């Protein structure tokens, strides 16, 4: 089975497609923006990348969400909950981690079916 990589740099690919499974690299929002604004920006990027890969958010299998501080959990969830289609919530984990720069407060990693 082939592996297709899109938006590839020396370090990573934004999209990897293997069979009917789509893997997205961790997506981050606008540095320095609020948690809700970063989350909205990330979800917009996810929508665009999934569409490019021939799928959409209703086909997400798993989401891994990193927050720089779990105090942001409710603010992130308010945006997430409005975005996820009713009855289509993926398996999900959310944890706290130091992200690439202090300006990032949210990072989301997605695996989806096509």
PDB file of N, CA and C in Angstrom:
ATOM      1  N   UNK A   1       0.844  -1.165   0.000  1.00  0.00           N
ATOM      2  CA  UNK A   1       0.000   0.000   0.000  1.00  0.00           C
ATOM      3  C   UNK A   1       0.900   1.243   0.000  1.00  0.00           C
ATOM      4  N   UNK A   2       0.570   2.182  -0.825  1.00  0.00           N
ATOM      5  CA  UNK A   2       1.415   3.369  -0.971  1.00  0.00           C
ATOM      6  C   UNK A   2       1.205   4.358   0.177  1.00  0.00           C
ATOM      7  N   UNK A   3       2.188   5.220   0.325  1.00  0.00           N
ATOM      8  CA  UNK A   3       2.122   6.311   1.287  1.00  0.00           C
ATOM      9  C   UNK A   3       2.278   7.605   0.498  1.00  0.00           C
ATOM     10  N   UNK A   4       1.320   8.508   0.674  1.00  0.00           N
ATOM     11  CA  UNK A   4       1.356   9.800  -0.003  1.00  0.00           C
ATOM     12  C   UNK A   4       1.616  10.887   1.037  1.00  0.00           C
ATOM     13  N   UNK A   5       2.560  11.768   0.755  1.00  0.00           N
ATOM     14  CA  UNK A   5       2.909  12.853   1.671  1.00  0.00           C
ATOM     15  C   UNK A   5       2.684  14.191   0.959  1.00  0.00           C
ATOM     16  N   UNK A   6       2.080  15.128   1.663  1.00  0.00           N
ATOM     17  CA  UNK A   6       1.810  16.447   1.092  1.00  0.00           C
ATOM     18  C   UNK A   6       2.345  17.541   2.007  1.00  0.00           C
ATOM     19  N   UNK A   7       2.749  18.643   1.376  1.00  0.00           N
ATOM     20  CA  UNK A   7       3.309  19.782   2.110  1.00  0.00           C
ATOM     21  C   UNK A   7       4.482  19.299   2.969  1.00  0.00           C
ATOM     22  N   UNK A   8       5.406  18.636   2.294  1.00  0.00           N
ATOM     23  CA  UNK A   8       6.531  18.000   2.967  1.00  0.00           C
ATOM     24  C   UNK A   8       7.754  18.907   2.982  1.00  0.00           C
ATOM     25  N   UNK A   9       8.375  18.985   4.127  1.00  0.00           N
ATOM     26  CA  UNK A   9       9.663  19.661   4.291  1.00  0.00           C
ATOM     27  C   UNK A   9      10.664  18.584   4.726  1.00  0.00           C
ATOM     28  N   UNK A  10      11.852  18.985   4.954  1.00  0.00           N
ATOM     29  CA  UNK A  10      12.865  18.048   5.432  1.00  0.00           C
ATOM     30  C   UNK A  10      12.459  17.421   6.766  1.00  0.00           C
ATOM     31  N   UNK A  11      11.716  18.182   7.574  1.00  0.00           N
ATOM     32  CA  UNK A  11      11.362  17.751   8.920  1.00  0.00           C
ATOM     33  C   UNK A  11      10.045  16.994   9.021  1.00  0.00           C
ATOM     34  N   UNK A  12       9.047  17.394   8.227  1.00  0.00           N
ATOM     35  CA  UNK A  12       7.713  16.814   8.417  1.00  0.00           C
ATOM     36  C   UNK A  12       6.820  17.030   7.201  1.00  0.00           C
ATOM     37  N   UNK A  13       5.708  16.299   7.196  1.00  0.00           N
ATOM     38  CA  UNK A  13       4.647  16.478   6.205  1.00  0.00           C
ATOM     39  C   UNK A  13       3.400  16.940   6.934  1.00  0.00           C
ATOM     40  N   UNK A  14       2.666  17.856   6.330  1.00  0.00           N
ATOM     41  CA  UNK A  14       1.414  18.309   6.939  1.00  0.00           C
ATOM     42  C   UNK A  14       0.322  17.249   6.826  1.00  0.00           C
ATOM     43  N   UNK A  15       0.360  16.473   5.729  1.00  0.00           N
ATOM     44  CA  UNK A  15      -0.623  15.416   5.505  1.00  0.00           C
ATOM     45  C   UNK A  15       0.137  14.163   5.086  1.00  0.00           C
ATOM     46  N   UNK A  16      -0.229  13.025   5.681  1.00  0.00           N
ATOM     47  CA  UNK A  16       0.262  11.726   5.224  1.00  0.00           C
ATOM     48  C   UNK A  16      -0.967  10.848   5.040  1.00  0.00           C
ATOM     49  N   UNK A  17      -1.067  10.247   3.841  1.00  0.00           N
ATOM     50  CA  UNK A  17      -2.202   9.379   3.530  1.00  0.00           C
ATOM     51  C   UNK A  17      -1.668   7.977   3.292  1.00  0.00           C
ATOM     52  N   UNK A  18      -2.205   7.026   4.040  1.00  0.00           N
ATOM     53  CA  UNK A  18      -1.834   5.612   3.891  1.00  0.00           C
ATOM     54  C   UNK A  18      -3.128   4.831   3.751  1.00  0.00           C
ATOM     55  N   UNK A  19      -3.380   4.313   2.568  1.00  0.00           N
ATOM     56  CA  UNK A  19      -4.655   3.647   2.320  1.00  0.00           C
ATOM     57  C   UNK A  19      -5.789   4.642   2.488  1.00  0.00           C
ATOM     58  N   UNK A  20      -6.717   4.317   3.350  1.00  0.00           N
ATOM     59  CA  UNK A  20      -7.852   5.200   3.609  1.00  0.00           C
ATOM     60  C   UNK A  20      -7.733   5.921   4.947  1.00  0.00           C
ATOM     61  N   UNK A  21      -6.510   6.058   5.439  1.00  0.00           N
ATOM     62  CA  UNK A  21      -6.283   6.778   6.689  1.00  0.00           C
ATOM     63  C   UNK A  21      -5.458   8.030   6.416  1.00  0.00           C
ATOM     64  N   UNK A  22      -5.893   9.136   6.997  1.00  0.00           N
ATOM     65  CA  UNK A  22      -5.240  10.431   6.823  1.00  0.00           C
ATOM     66  C   UNK A  22      -4.688  10.877   8.174  1.00  0.00           C
ATOM     67  N   UNK A  23      -3.411  11.209   8.178  1.00  0.00           N
ATOM     68  CA  UNK A  23      -2.743  11.695   9.382  1.00  0.00           C
ATOM     69  C   UNK A  23      -2.348  13.149   9.143  1.00  0.00           C
ATOM     70  N   UNK A  24      -2.697  14.016  10.079  1.00  0.00           N
ATOM     71  CA  UNK A  24      -2.288  15.413   9.984  1.00  0.00           C
ATOM     72  C   UNK A  24      -1.212  15.696  11.021  1.00  0.00           C
ATOM     73  N   UNK A  25      -0.249  16.504  10.640  1.00  0.00           N
ATOM     74  CA  UNK A  25       0.748  16.977  11.606  1.00  0.00           C
ATOM     75  C   UNK A  25       0.035  17.836  12.650  1.00  0.00           C
ATOM     76  N   UNK A  26       0.693  18.050  13.769  1.00  0.00           N
ATOM     77  CA  UNK A  26       0.138  18.920  14.790  1.00  0.00           C
ATOM     78  C   UNK A  26      -0.067  20.323  14.230  1.00  0.00           C
ATOM     79  N   UNK A  27      -1.253  20.849  14.417  1.00  0.00           N
ATOM     80  CA  UNK A  27      -1.605  22.167  13.902  1.00  0.00           C
ATOM     81  C   UNK A  27      -1.641  23.167  15.051  1.00  0.00           C
ATOM     82  N   UNK A  28      -1.097  24.341  14.810  1.00  0.00           N
ATOM     83  CA  UNK A  28      -1.088  25.415  15.807  1.00  0.00           C
ATOM     84  C   UNK A  28      -1.741  26.650  15.210  1.00  0.00           C
ATOM     85  N   UNK A  29      -2.179  27.547  16.088  1.00  0.00           N
ATOM     86  CA  UNK A  29      -2.847  28.761  15.654  1.00  0.00           C
ATOM     87  C   UNK A  29      -1.888  29.927  15.545  1.00  0.00           C
ATOM     88  N   UNK A  30      -2.455  31.097  15.448  1.00  0.00           N
ATOM     89  CA  UNK A  30      -1.681  32.328  15.344  1.00  0.00           C
ATOM     90  C   UNK A  30      -0.947  32.580  16.654  1.00  0.00           C
ATOM     91  N   UNK A  31       0.387  32.683  16.614  1.00  0.00           N
ATOM     92  CA  UNK A  31       1.146  32.912  17.848  1.00  0.00           C
ATOM     93  C   UNK A  31       0.665  34.164  18.581  1.00  0.00           C
ATOM     94  N   UNK A  32       0.476  34.033  19.883  1.00  0.00           N
ATOM     95  CA  UNK A  32       0.081  35.172  20.696  1.00  0.00           C
ATOM     96  C   UNK A  32      -1.414  35.445  20.746  1.00  0.00           C
ATOM     97  N   UNK A  33      -2.198  34.783  19.879  1.00  0.00           N
ATOM     98  CA  UNK A  33      -3.649  34.971  19.905  1.00  0.00           C
ATOM     99  C   UNK A  33      -4.230  34.294  21.152  1.00  0.00           C
ATOM    100  N   UNK A  34      -5.467  34.608  21.471  1.00  0.00           N
ATOM    101  CA  UNK A  34      -6.136  33.995  22.621  1.00  0.00           C
ATOM    102  C   UNK A  34      -6.351  32.502  22.356  1.00  0.00           C
ATOM    103  N   UNK A  35      -6.619  31.749  23.410  1.00  0.00           N
ATOM    104  CA  UNK A  35      -6.877  30.310  23.259  1.00  0.00           C
ATOM    105  C   UNK A  35      -8.061  30.064  22.323  1.00  0.00           C
ATOM    106  N   UNK A  36      -9.202  30.741  22.493  1.00  0.00           N
ATOM    107  CA  UNK A  36     -10.304  30.517  21.545  1.00  0.00           C
ATOM    108  C   UNK A  36      -9.907  30.854  20.104  1.00  0.00           C
ATOM    109  N   UNK A  37      -9.178  31.949  19.902  1.00  0.00           N
ATOM    110  CA  UNK A  37      -8.771  32.322  18.543  1.00  0.00           C
ATOM    111  C   UNK A  37      -7.765  31.335  17.970  1.00  0.00           C
ATOM    112  N   UNK A  38      -6.814  30.875  18.775  1.00  0.00           N
ATOM    113  CA  UNK A  38      -5.877  29.853  18.299  1.00  0.00           C
ATOM    114  C   UNK A  38      -6.634  28.587  17.937  1.00  0.00           C
ATOM    115  N   UNK A  39      -7.579  28.187  18.783  1.00  0.00           N
ATOM    116  CA  UNK A  39      -8.349  26.970  18.509  1.00  0.00           C
ATOM    117  C   UNK A  39      -9.141  27.104  17.216  1.00  0.00           C
ATOM    118  N   UNK A  40      -9.817  28.230  17.023  1.00  0.00           N
ATOM    119  CA  UNK A  40     -10.571  28.449  15.768  1.00  0.00           C
ATOM    120  C   UNK A  40      -9.644  28.386  14.553  1.00  0.00           C
ATOM    121  N   UNK A  41      -8.484  29.021  14.645  1.00  0.00           N
ATOM    122  CA  UNK A  41      -7.527  28.994  13.541  1.00  0.00           C
ATOM    123  C   UNK A  41      -7.046  27.584  13.236  1.00  0.00           C
ATOM    124  N   UNK A  42      -6.790  26.816  14.268  1.00  0.00           N
ATOM    125  CA  UNK A  42      -6.353  25.423  14.093  1.00  0.00           C
ATOM    126  C   UNK A  42      -7.453  24.620  13.414  1.00  0.00           C
ATOM    127  N   UNK A  43      -8.675  24.758  13.882  1.00  0.00           N
ATOM    128  CA  UNK A  43      -9.781  23.988  13.306  1.00  0.00           C
ATOM    129  C   UNK A  43     -10.034  24.374  11.858  1.00  0.00           C
ATOM    130  N   UNK A  44      -9.839  25.644  11.513  1.00  0.00           N
ATOM    131  CA  UNK A  44      -9.931  26.062  10.105  1.00  0.00           C
ATOM    132  C   UNK A  44      -8.854  25.362   9.268  1.00  0.00           C
ATOM    133  N   UNK A  45      -7.636  25.295   9.790  1.00  0.00           N
ATOM    134  CA  UNK A  45      -6.553  24.604   9.075  1.00  0.00           C
ATOM    135  C   UNK A  45      -6.883  23.126   8.921  1.00  0.00           C
ATOM    136  N   UNK A  46      -7.394  22.511   9.969  1.00  0.00           N
ATOM    137  CA  UNK A  46      -7.755  21.092   9.908  1.00  0.00           C
ATOM    138  C   UNK A  46      -8.818  20.866   8.848  1.00  0.00           C
ATOM    139  N   UNK A  47      -9.845  21.714   8.822  1.00  0.00           N
ATOM    140  CA  UNK A  47     -10.886  21.592   7.788  1.00  0.00           C
ATOM    141  C   UNK A  47     -10.271  21.632   6.390  1.00  0.00           C
ATOM    142  N   UNK A  48      -9.369  22.565   6.156  1.00  0.00           N
ATOM    143  CA  UNK A  48      -8.754  22.716   4.830  1.00  0.00           C
ATOM    144  C   UNK A  48      -7.873  21.515   4.485  1.00  0.00           C
ATOM    145  N   UNK A  49      -7.076  21.051   5.425  1.00  0.00           N
ATOM    146  CA  UNK A  49      -6.197  19.905   5.154  1.00  0.00           C
ATOM    147  C   UNK A  49      -6.999  18.633   4.930  1.00  0.00           C
ATOM    148  N   UNK A  50      -8.043  18.423   5.716  1.00  0.00           N
ATOM    149  CA  UNK A  50      -8.883  17.241   5.513  1.00  0.00           C
ATOM    150  C   UNK A  50      -9.564  17.295   4.147  1.00  0.00           C
ATOM    151  N   UNK A  51     -10.061  18.463   3.754  1.00  0.00           N
ATOM    152  CA  UNK A  51     -10.695  18.592   2.437  1.00  0.00           C
ATOM    153  C   UNK A  51      -9.697  18.272   1.337  1.00  0.00           C
ATOM    154  N   UNK A  52      -8.480  18.774   1.471  1.00  0.00           N
ATOM    155  CA  UNK A  52      -7.450  18.478   0.479  1.00  0.00           C
ATOM    156  C   UNK A  52      -7.184  16.974   0.386  1.00  0.00           C
ATOM    157  N   UNK A  53      -7.294  16.282   1.509  1.00  0.00           N
ATOM    158  CA  UNK A  53      -7.036  14.839   1.546  1.00  0.00           C
ATOM    159  C   UNK A  53      -8.267  14.021   1.162  1.00  0.00           C
ATOM    160  N   UNK A  54      -9.375  14.695   0.864  1.00  0.00           N
ATOM    161  CA  UNK A  54     -10.576  13.989   0.420  1.00  0.00           C
ATOM    162  C   UNK A  54     -11.459  13.491   1.549  1.00  0.00           C
ATOM    163  N   UNK A  55     -11.438  14.173   2.674  1.00  0.00           N
ATOM    164  CA  UNK A  55     -12.277  13.780   3.800  1.00  0.00           C
ATOM    165  C   UNK A  55     -12.754  15.023   4.533  1.00  0.00           C
ATOM    166  N   UNK A  56     -13.367  14.860   5.691  1.00  0.00           N
ATOM    167  CA  UNK A  56     -13.842  16.013   6.460  1.00  0.00           C
ATOM    168  C   UNK A  56     -13.924  15.647   7.941  1.00  0.00           C
ATOM    169  N   UNK A  57     -14.310  16.622   8.747  1.00  0.00           N
ATOM    170  CA  UNK A  57     -14.293  16.442  10.195  1.00  0.00           C
ATOM    171  C   UNK A  57     -15.255  15.367  10.691  1.00  0.00           C
ATOM    172  N   UNK A  58     -16.254  15.014   9.914  1.00  0.00           N
ATOM    173  CA  UNK A  58     -17.166  13.943  10.328  1.00  0.00           C
ATOM    174  C   UNK A  58     -16.489  12.573  10.280  1.00  0.00           C
ATOM    175  N   UNK A  59     -15.301  12.504   9.672  1.00  0.00           N
ATOM    176  CA  UNK A  59     -14.572  11.242   9.511  1.00  0.00           C
ATOM    177  C   UNK A  59     -13.342  11.160  10.425  1.00  0.00           C
ATOM    178  N   UNK A  60     -13.216  12.106  11.370  1.00  0.00           N
ATOM    179  CA  UNK A  60     -12.075  12.080  12.285  1.00  0.00           C
ATOM    180  C   UNK A  60     -12.197  10.875  13.218  1.00  0.00           C
ATOM    181  N   UNK A  61     -11.118  10.118  13.295  1.00  0.00           N
ATOM    182  CA  UNK A  61     -11.061   8.945  14.165  1.00  0.00           C
ATOM    183  C   UNK A  61     -10.515   9.294  15.543  1.00  0.00           C
ATOM    184  N   UNK A  62      -9.472  10.124  15.554  1.00  0.00           N
ATOM    185  CA  UNK A  62      -8.798  10.448  16.806  1.00  0.00           C
ATOM    186  C   UNK A  62      -8.261  11.870  16.770  1.00  0.00           C
ATOM    187  N   UNK A  63      -8.327  12.522  17.913  1.00  0.00           N
ATOM    188  CA  UNK A  63      -7.728  13.845  18.089  1.00  0.00           C
ATOM    189  C   UNK A  63      -6.868  13.814  19.350  1.00  0.00           C
ATOM    190  N   UNK A  64      -5.670  14.352  19.235  1.00  0.00           N
ATOM    191  CA  UNK A  64      -4.794  14.541  20.389  1.00  0.00           C
ATOM    192  C   UNK A  64      -4.588  16.040  20.520  1.00  0.00           C
ATOM    193  N   UNK A  65      -4.944  16.580  21.676  1.00  0.00           N
ATOM    194  CA  UNK A  65      -4.885  18.022  21.896  1.00  0.00           C
ATOM    195  C   UNK A  65      -3.888  18.305  23.013  1.00  0.00           C
ATOM    196  N   UNK A  66      -2.972  19.217  22.722  1.00  0.00           N
ATOM    197  CA  UNK A  66      -2.008  19.670  23.725  1.00  0.00           C
ATOM    198  C   UNK A  66      -2.316  21.115  24.071  1.00  0.00           C
ATOM    199  N   UNK A  67      -2.367  21.407  25.349  1.00  0.00           N
ATOM    200  CA  UNK A  67      -2.527  22.765  25.853  1.00  0.00           C
ATOM    201  C   UNK A  67      -1.278  23.132  26.636  1.00  0.00           C
ATOM    202  N   UNK A  68      -0.880  24.389  26.558  1.00  0.00           N
ATOM    203  CA  UNK A  68       0.289  24.793  27.347  1.00  0.00           C
ATOM    204  C   UNK A  68      -0.057  24.883  28.830  1.00  0.00           C
ATOM    205  N   UNK A  69      -1.364  24.937  29.144  1.00  0.00           N
ATOM    206  CA  UNK A  69      -1.814  25.019  30.526  1.00  0.00           C
ATOM    207  C   UNK A  69      -3.244  24.462  30.568  1.00  0.00           C
ATOM    208  N   UNK A  70      -3.496  23.490  31.423  1.00  0.00           N
ATOM    209  CA  UNK A  70      -4.832  22.890  31.496  1.00  0.00           C
ATOM    210  C   UNK A  70      -5.886  23.894  31.965  1.00  0.00           C
ATOM    211  N   UNK A  71      -5.469  25.048  32.440  1.00  0.00           N
ATOM    212  CA  UNK A  71      -6.420  26.104  32.786  1.00  0.00           C
ATOM    213  C   UNK A  71      -7.179  26.575  31.543  1.00  0.00           C
ATOM    214  N   UNK A  72      -6.658  26.279  30.348  1.00  0.00           N
ATOM    215  CA  UNK A  72      -7.304  26.674  29.087  1.00  0.00           C
ATOM    216  C   UNK A  72      -8.296  25.625  28.565  1.00  0.00           C
ATOM    217  N   UNK A  73      -8.483  24.546  29.311  1.00  0.00           N
ATOM    218  CA  UNK A  73      -9.314  23.422  28.874  1.00  0.00           C
ATOM    219  C   UNK A  73     -10.726  23.862  28.477  1.00  0.00           C
ATOM    220  N   UNK A  74     -11.392  24.612  29.310  1.00  0.00           N
ATOM    221  CA  UNK A  74     -12.773  25.022  29.017  1.00  0.00           C
ATOM    222  C   UNK A  74     -12.846  25.976  27.828  1.00  0.00           C
ATOM    223  N   UNK A  75     -11.907  26.907  27.731  1.00  0.00           N
ATOM    224  CA  UNK A  75     -11.910  27.856  26.602  1.00  0.00           C
ATOM    225  C   UNK A  75     -11.707  27.126  25.279  1.00  0.00           C
ATOM    226  N   UNK A  76     -10.792  26.162  25.263  1.00  0.00           N
ATOM    227  CA  UNK A  76     -10.565  25.381  24.047  1.00  0.00           C
ATOM    228  C   UNK A  76     -11.797  24.536  23.732  1.00  0.00           C
ATOM    229  N   UNK A  77     -12.355  23.870  24.761  1.00  0.00           N
ATOM    230  CA  UNK A  77     -13.512  23.005  24.553  1.00  0.00           C
ATOM    231  C   UNK A  77     -14.737  23.755  24.041  1.00  0.00           C
ATOM    232  N   UNK A  78     -14.906  25.005  24.442  1.00  0.00           N
ATOM    233  CA  UNK A  78     -16.056  25.780  23.960  1.00  0.00           C
ATOM    234  C   UNK A  78     -16.024  25.893  22.438  1.00  0.00           C
ATOM    235  N   UNK A  79     -14.840  26.091  21.878  1.00  0.00           N
ATOM    236  CA  UNK A  79     -14.688  26.192  20.420  1.00  0.00           C
ATOM    237  C   UNK A  79     -14.775  24.798  19.797  1.00  0.00           C
ATOM    238  N   UNK A  80     -14.075  23.842  20.382  1.00  0.00           N
ATOM    239  CA  UNK A  80     -14.079  22.465  19.874  1.00  0.00           C
ATOM    240  C   UNK A  80     -15.500  21.913  19.807  1.00  0.00           C
ATOM    241  N   UNK A  81     -16.256  22.044  20.904  1.00  0.00           N
ATOM    242  CA  UNK A  81     -17.605  21.469  20.969  1.00  0.00           C
ATOM    243  C   UNK A  81     -18.534  22.048  19.907  1.00  0.00           C
ATOM    244  N   UNK A  82     -18.371  23.315  19.583  1.00  0.00           N
ATOM    245  CA  UNK A  82     -19.197  23.938  18.544  1.00  0.00           C
ATOM    246  C   UNK A  82     -18.801  23.460  17.151  1.00  0.00           C
ATOM    247  N   UNK A  83     -17.570  22.986  16.996  1.00  0.00           N
ATOM    248  CA  UNK A  83     -17.032  22.571  15.692  1.00  0.00           C
ATOM    249  C   UNK A  83     -17.333  21.112  15.364  1.00  0.00           C
ATOM    250  N   UNK A  84     -17.276  20.239  16.354  1.00  0.00           N
ATOM    251  CA  UNK A  84     -17.461  18.797  16.111  1.00  0.00           C
ATOM    252  C   UNK A  84     -18.925  18.522  15.767  1.00  0.00           C
ATOM    253  N   UNK A  85     -19.169  17.815  14.646  1.00  0.00           N
ATOM    254  CA  UNK A  85     -20.553  17.503  14.285  1.00  0.00           C
ATOM    255  C   UNK A  85     -21.224  16.620  15.341  1.00  0.00           C
ATOM    256  N   UNK A  86     -22.466  16.906  15.631  1.00  0.00           N
ATOM    257  CA  UNK A  86     -23.245  16.137  16.601  1.00  0.00           C
ATOM    258  C   UNK A  86     -23.187  14.644  16.271  1.00  0.00           C
ATOM    259  N   UNK A  87     -22.863  13.844  17.258  1.00  0.00           N
ATOM    260  CA  UNK A  87     -22.800  12.397  17.087  1.00  0.00           C
ATOM    261  C   UNK A  87     -21.547  11.901  16.390  1.00  0.00           C
ATOM    262  N   UNK A  88     -20.592  12.780  16.064  1.00  0.00           N
ATOM    263  CA  UNK A  88     -19.395  12.399  15.309  1.00  0.00           C
ATOM    264  C   UNK A  88     -18.104  12.640  16.108  1.00  0.00           C
ATOM    265  N   UNK A  89     -18.202  12.739  17.416  1.00  0.00           N
ATOM    266  CA  UNK A  89     -17.011  13.025  18.225  1.00  0.00           C
ATOM    267  C   UNK A  89     -15.989  11.888  18.087  1.00  0.00           C
ATOM    268  N   UNK A  90     -14.734  12.228  17.861  1.00  0.00           N
ATOM    269  CA  UNK A  90     -13.690  11.211  17.727  1.00  0.00           C
ATOM    270  C   UNK A  90     -13.203  10.736  19.091  1.00  0.00           C
ATOM    271  N   UNK A  91     -12.422   9.672  19.091  1.00  0.00           N
ATOM    272  CA  UNK A  91     -11.656   9.337  20.282  1.00  0.00           C
ATOM    273  C   UNK A  91     -10.725  10.528  20.506  1.00  0.00           C
ATOM    274  N   UNK A  92     -10.528  10.914  21.778  1.00  0.00           N
ATOM    275  CA  UNK A  92      -9.782  12.147  22.012  1.00  0.00           C
ATOM    276  C   UNK A  92      -8.993  12.068  23.304  1.00  0.00           C
ATOM    277  N   UNK A  93      -7.829  12.691  23.279  1.00  0.00           N
ATOM    278  CA  UNK A  93      -7.031  12.879  24.481  1.00  0.00           C
ATOM    279  C   UNK A  93      -6.627  14.341  24.537  1.00  0.00           C
ATOM    280  N   UNK A  94      -6.491  14.860  25.746  1.00  0.00           N
ATOM    281  CA  UNK A  94      -6.057  16.240  25.922  1.00  0.00           C
ATOM    282  C   UNK A  94      -5.105  16.276  27.109  1.00  0.00           C
ATOM    283  N   UNK A  95      -3.955  16.870  26.892  1.00  0.00           N
ATOM    284  CA  UNK A  95      -2.972  16.955  27.961  1.00  0.00           C
ATOM    285  C   UNK A  95      -2.248  18.278  27.943  1.00  0.00           C
ATOM    286  N   UNK A  96      -1.421  18.472  28.955  1.00  0.00           N
ATOM    287  CA  UNK A  96      -0.638  19.693  29.082  1.00  0.00           C
ATOM    288  C   UNK A  96       0.802  19.407  28.688  1.00  0.00           C
ATOM    289  N   UNK A  97       1.365  20.299  27.890  1.00  0.00           N
ATOM    290  CA  UNK A  97       2.758  20.141  27.458  1.00  0.00           C
ATOM    291  C   UNK A  97       3.336  21.509  27.123  1.00  0.00           C
ATOM    292  N   UNK A  98       4.629  21.610  27.215  1.00  0.00           N
ATOM    293  CA  UNK A  98       5.302  22.817  26.737  1.00  0.00           C
ATOM    294  C   UNK A  98       5.327  22.708  25.212  1.00  0.00           C
ATOM    295  N   UNK A  99       4.794  23.699  24.529  1.00  0.00           N
ATOM    296  CA  UNK A  99       4.716  23.667  23.075  1.00  0.00           C
ATOM    297  C   UNK A  99       5.952  24.323  22.472  1.00  0.00           C
ATOM    298  N   UNK A 100       6.037  24.340  21.148  1.00  0.00           N
ATOM    299  CA  UNK A 100       7.250  24.771  20.441  1.00  0.00           C
ATOM    300  C   UNK A 100       7.738  26.155  20.855  1.00  0.00           C
ATOM    301  N   UNK A 101       6.816  27.078  21.062  1.00  0.00           N
ATOM    302  CA  UNK A 101       7.179  28.402  21.564  1.00  0.00           C
ATOM    303  C   UNK A 101       6.133  28.813  22.596  1.00  0.00           C
ATOM    304  N   UNK A 102       6.463  29.726  23.486  1.00  0.00           N
ATOM    305  CA  UNK A 102       5.482  30.178  24.479  1.00  0.00           C
ATOM    306  C   UNK A 102       4.271  30.885  23.860  1.00  0.00           C
ATOM    307  N   UNK A 103       4.372  31.291  22.608  1.00  0.00           N
ATOM    308  CA  UNK A 103       3.250  31.955  21.934  1.00  0.00           C
ATOM    309  C   UNK A 103       2.154  30.985  21.516  1.00  0.00           C
ATOM    310  N   UNK A 104       2.460  29.693  21.478  1.00  0.00           N
ATOM    311  CA  UNK A 104       1.457  28.682  21.147  1.00  0.00           C
ATOM    312  C   UNK A 104       0.841  28.166  22.435  1.00  0.00           C
ATOM    313  N   UNK A 105      -0.483  28.151  22.474  1.00  0.00           N
ATOM    314  CA  UNK A 105      -1.189  27.657  23.651  1.00  0.00           C
ATOM    315  C   UNK A 105      -1.960  26.368  23.364  1.00  0.00           C
ATOM    316  N   UNK A 106      -2.174  26.068  22.089  1.00  0.00           N
ATOM    317  CA  UNK A 106      -2.952  24.895  21.686  1.00  0.00           C
ATOM    318  C   UNK A 106      -2.285  24.259  20.484  1.00  0.00           C
ATOM    319  N   UNK A 107      -2.242  22.918  20.469  1.00  0.00           N
ATOM    320  CA  UNK A 107      -1.807  22.162  19.290  1.00  0.00           C
ATOM    321  C   UNK A 107      -2.732  20.961  19.180  1.00  0.00           C
ATOM    322  N   UNK A 108      -3.192  20.677  17.951  1.00  0.00           N
ATOM    323  CA  UNK A 108      -4.120  19.572  17.733  1.00  0.00           C
ATOM    324  C   UNK A 108      -3.576  18.675  16.621  1.00  0.00           C
ATOM    325  N   UNK A 109      -3.584  17.371  16.894  1.00  0.00           N
ATOM    326  CA  UNK A 109      -3.126  16.342  15.968  1.00  0.00           C
ATOM    327  C   UNK A 109      -4.353  15.487  15.603  1.00  0.00           C
ATOM    328  N   UNK A 110      -4.529  15.223  14.327  1.00  0.00           N
ATOM    329  CA  UNK A 110      -5.728  14.529  13.847  1.00  0.00           C
ATOM    330  C   UNK A 110      -5.377  13.291  13.023  1.00  0.00           C
ATOM    331  N   UNK A 111      -6.166  12.229  13.225  1.00  0.00           N
ATOM    332  CA  UNK A 111      -6.168  11.056  12.354  1.00  0.00           C
ATOM    333  C   UNK A 111      -7.600  10.875  11.874  1.00  0.00           C
ATOM    334  N   UNK A 112      -7.776  10.700  10.570  1.00  0.00           N
ATOM    335  CA  UNK A 112      -9.126  10.587  10.006  1.00  0.00           C
ATOM    336  C   UNK A 112      -9.185   9.490   8.962  1.00  0.00           C
ATOM    337  N   UNK A 113     -10.403   9.021   8.713  1.00  0.00           N
ATOM    338  CA  UNK A 113     -10.665   8.070   7.631  1.00  0.00           C
ATOM    339  C   UNK A 113     -11.067   8.863   6.392  1.00  0.00           C
ATOM    340  N   UNK A 114     -10.803   8.276   5.200  1.00  0.00           N
ATOM    341  CA  UNK A 114     -11.266   8.926   3.969  1.00  0.00           C
ATOM    342  C   UNK A 114     -12.596   8.345   3.576  1.00  0.00           C
TER     343      UNK A 114
END
